[in-house]
Amino acid sequence: MNYDLIKNLGILTLIKHSILKKIVEISENCICDSVLDAVQSEEDIISINIGIGTLFISIVNYEISYKFEPSQRLEKKLIKSIDTGESPLVQNAETKLNKKIVNTYKELL
């Protein structure tokens, strides 16, 4: 099953899909620039922090291989979600809804 992170981010943040796509494009360009710098410095392995983890790119004899290692924060959230069966998205939504209900109640009283 495939999931679309950009689409979900757009829905959750209300940031336009076109803006998110532009951010992705700029990110791709930054990654390419980092890889080019590393190749010109004759490095075989490049590690790039992409915010949610590290992307490792290995270039050997013009063959490119990739590895992704999640950040500690993402790894903890993944493990917690799997262990508890609870979604952080649902928890955040419930917390926001509870706050709105409490605030509305306070205003009424």
C-alpha atoms as a PDB file:
ATOM      1  CA  MET A   1       0.000   0.000   0.000  1.00  0.00           C
ATOM      2  CA  ASN A   2       1.309   3.470  -0.867  1.00  0.00           C
ATOM      3  CA  TYR A   3       0.756   6.602   1.187  1.00  0.00           C
ATOM      4  CA  ASP A   4       1.210  10.187   0.009  1.00  0.00           C
ATOM      5  CA  LEU A   5       3.025  12.203   2.680  1.00  0.00           C
ATOM      6  CA  ILE A   6       2.767  15.465   0.727  1.00  0.00           C
ATOM      7  CA  LYS A   7      -1.006  15.087   0.311  1.00  0.00           C
ATOM      8  CA  ASN A   8      -1.436  14.312   4.009  1.00  0.00           C
ATOM      9  CA  LEU A   9       0.751  17.270   5.012  1.00  0.00           C
ATOM     10  CA  GLY A  10      -1.382  19.531   2.839  1.00  0.00           C
ATOM     11  CA  ILE A  11      -4.563  18.333   4.494  1.00  0.00           C
ATOM     12  CA  LEU A  12      -3.189  18.588   8.028  1.00  0.00           C
ATOM     13  CA  THR A  13      -1.369  21.910   7.684  1.00  0.00           C
ATOM     14  CA  LEU A  14      -3.656  23.647   5.176  1.00  0.00           C
ATOM     15  CA  ILE A  15      -0.547  24.472   3.131  1.00  0.00           C
ATOM     16  CA  LYS A  16      -1.330  24.403  -0.565  1.00  0.00           C
ATOM     17  CA  HIS A  17      -0.228  21.275  -2.414  1.00  0.00           C
ATOM     18  CA  SER A  18       1.640  23.418  -4.965  1.00  0.00           C
ATOM     19  CA  ILE A  19       3.711  25.033  -2.207  1.00  0.00           C
ATOM     20  CA  LEU A  20       4.550  21.669  -0.672  1.00  0.00           C
ATOM     21  CA  LYS A  21       5.551  20.348  -4.098  1.00  0.00           C
ATOM     22  CA  LYS A  22       7.842  23.370  -4.498  1.00  0.00           C
ATOM     23  CA  ILE A  23       9.439  22.621  -1.129  1.00  0.00           C
ATOM     24  CA  VAL A  24      10.004  19.036  -2.250  1.00  0.00           C
ATOM     25  CA  GLU A  25      11.577  20.262  -5.492  1.00  0.00           C
ATOM     26  CA  ILE A  26      13.919  22.583  -3.596  1.00  0.00           C
ATOM     27  CA  SER A  27      14.788  19.703  -1.242  1.00  0.00           C
ATOM     28  CA  GLU A  28      15.623  17.470  -4.202  1.00  0.00           C
ATOM     29  CA  ASN A  29      17.864  20.197  -5.616  1.00  0.00           C
ATOM     30  CA  CYS A  30      19.637  20.547  -2.265  1.00  0.00           C
ATOM     31  CA  ILE A  31      20.191  16.784  -2.105  1.00  0.00           C
ATOM     32  CA  CYS A  32      21.572  16.754  -5.647  1.00  0.00           C
ATOM     33  CA  ASP A  33      23.909  19.641  -4.810  1.00  0.00           C
ATOM     34  CA  SER A  34      25.160  17.828  -1.695  1.00  0.00           C
ATOM     35  CA  VAL A  35      25.754  14.652  -3.698  1.00  0.00           C
ATOM     36  CA  LEU A  36      27.611  16.582  -6.391  1.00  0.00           C
ATOM     37  CA  ASP A  37      29.832  18.228  -3.753  1.00  0.00           C
ATOM     38  CA  ALA A  38      30.592  14.829  -2.238  1.00  0.00           C
ATOM     39  CA  VAL A  39      31.362  13.264  -5.622  1.00  0.00           C
ATOM     40  CA  GLN A  40      33.703  16.147  -6.473  1.00  0.00           C
ATOM     41  CA  SER A  41      35.396  15.596  -3.101  1.00  0.00           C
ATOM     42  CA  GLU A  42      35.715  11.895  -4.019  1.00  0.00           C
ATOM     43  CA  GLU A  43      33.500  10.741  -1.162  1.00  0.00           C
ATOM     44  CA  ASP A  44      31.761   7.397  -1.689  1.00  0.00           C
ATOM     45  CA  ILE A  45      29.069   7.754   0.965  1.00  0.00           C
ATOM     46  CA  ILE A  46      26.991  10.846   1.563  1.00  0.00           C
ATOM     47  CA  SER A  47      24.760  11.304   4.597  1.00  0.00           C
ATOM     48  CA  ILE A  48      22.053  13.948   4.482  1.00  0.00           C
ATOM     49  CA  ASN A  49      19.813  14.885   7.396  1.00  0.00           C
ATOM     50  CA  ILE A  50      16.345  15.223   5.853  1.00  0.00           C
ATOM     51  CA  GLY A  51      14.539  16.187   9.035  1.00  0.00           C
ATOM     52  CA  ILE A  52      12.868  12.871   9.804  1.00  0.00           C
ATOM     53  CA  GLY A  53      16.084  10.901   9.566  1.00  0.00           C
ATOM     54  CA  THR A  54      19.249  10.490   7.567  1.00  0.00           C
ATOM     55  CA  LEU A  55      19.407   9.578   3.907  1.00  0.00           C
ATOM     56  CA  PHE A  56      22.599   7.720   3.026  1.00  0.00           C
ATOM     57  CA  ILE A  57      23.621   7.692  -0.623  1.00  0.00           C
ATOM     58  CA  SER A  58      26.465   5.475  -1.755  1.00  0.00           C
ATOM     59  CA  ILE A  59      28.078   5.938  -5.147  1.00  0.00           C
ATOM     60  CA  VAL A  60      30.478   3.226  -6.271  1.00  0.00           C
ATOM     61  CA  ASN A  61      31.451   2.803  -9.927  1.00  0.00           C
ATOM     62  CA  TYR A  62      28.494   4.958 -11.011  1.00  0.00           C
ATOM     63  CA  GLU A  63      26.078   2.690  -9.155  1.00  0.00           C
ATOM     64  CA  ILE A  64      23.907   4.510  -6.662  1.00  0.00           C
ATOM     65  CA  SER A  65      22.395   2.860  -3.621  1.00  0.00           C
ATOM     66  CA  TYR A  66      20.252   4.378  -0.901  1.00  0.00           C
ATOM     67  CA  LYS A  67      19.531   3.753   2.744  1.00  0.00           C
ATOM     68  CA  PHE A  68      17.251   5.625   5.107  1.00  0.00           C
ATOM     69  CA  GLU A  69      17.738   5.688   8.855  1.00  0.00           C
ATOM     70  CA  PRO A  70      14.945   7.313  10.876  1.00  0.00           C
ATOM     71  CA  SER A  71      15.740   9.926  13.503  1.00  0.00           C
ATOM     72  CA  GLN A  72      15.527   8.834  17.134  1.00  0.00           C
ATOM     73  CA  ARG A  73      12.336  10.851  17.493  1.00  0.00           C
ATOM     74  CA  LEU A  74      10.664   9.193  14.479  1.00  0.00           C
ATOM     75  CA  GLU A  75      11.843   5.762  15.570  1.00  0.00           C
ATOM     76  CA  LYS A  76      10.377   6.250  19.066  1.00  0.00           C
ATOM     77  CA  LYS A  77       7.066   7.411  17.583  1.00  0.00           C
ATOM     78  CA  LEU A  78       6.957   4.438  15.204  1.00  0.00           C
ATOM     79  CA  ILE A  79       7.647   1.973  17.995  1.00  0.00           C
ATOM     80  CA  LYS A  80       5.063   3.613  20.264  1.00  0.00           C
ATOM     81  CA  SER A  81       2.437   3.587  17.503  1.00  0.00           C
ATOM     82  CA  ILE A  82       3.056  -0.084  16.767  1.00  0.00           C
ATOM     83  CA  ASP A  83       3.144  -1.079  20.439  1.00  0.00           C
ATOM     84  CA  THR A  84       0.030   0.849  21.469  1.00  0.00           C
ATOM     85  CA  GLY A  85      -1.921   0.699  18.228  1.00  0.00           C
ATOM     86  CA  GLU A  86      -2.556   4.433  18.598  1.00  0.00           C
ATOM     87  CA  SER A  87      -2.035   7.047  15.912  1.00  0.00           C
ATOM     88  CA  PRO A  88      -0.292  10.305  16.867  1.00  0.00           C
ATOM     89  CA  LEU A  89      -2.561  12.054  14.336  1.00  0.00           C
ATOM     90  CA  VAL A  90      -5.675  10.838  16.130  1.00  0.00           C
ATOM     91  CA  GLN A  91      -4.212  11.735  19.526  1.00  0.00           C
ATOM     92  CA  ASN A  92      -3.379  15.274  18.339  1.00  0.00           C
ATOM     93  CA  ALA A  93      -6.852  15.709  16.860  1.00  0.00           C
ATOM     94  CA  GLU A  94      -8.487  14.506  20.076  1.00  0.00           C
ATOM     95  CA  THR A  95      -6.334  16.841  22.182  1.00  0.00           C
ATOM     96  CA  LYS A  96      -7.230  19.837  20.001  1.00  0.00           C
ATOM     97  CA  LEU A  97     -10.924  18.927  20.086  1.00  0.00           C
ATOM     98  CA  ASN A  98     -10.852  18.549  23.871  1.00  0.00           C
ATOM     99  CA  LYS A  99      -9.233  21.985  24.231  1.00  0.00           C
ATOM    100  CA  LYS A 100     -11.867  23.559  21.998  1.00  0.00           C
ATOM    101  CA  ILE A 101     -14.685  21.943  23.970  1.00  0.00           C
ATOM    102  CA  VAL A 102     -13.183  23.061  27.289  1.00  0.00           C
ATOM    103  CA  ASN A 103     -12.644  26.617  26.011  1.00  0.00           C
ATOM    104  CA  THR A 104     -16.198  26.784  24.651  1.00  0.00           C
ATOM    105  CA  TYR A 105     -17.538  25.527  27.977  1.00  0.00           C
ATOM    106  CA  LYS A 106     -15.510  28.155  29.850  1.00  0.00           C
ATOM    107  CA  GLU A 107     -16.877  30.899  27.630  1.00  0.00           C
ATOM    108  CA  LEU A 108     -20.440  29.736  28.254  1.00  0.00           C
ATOM    109  CA  LEU A 109     -19.977  29.713  32.013  1.00  0.00           C
END
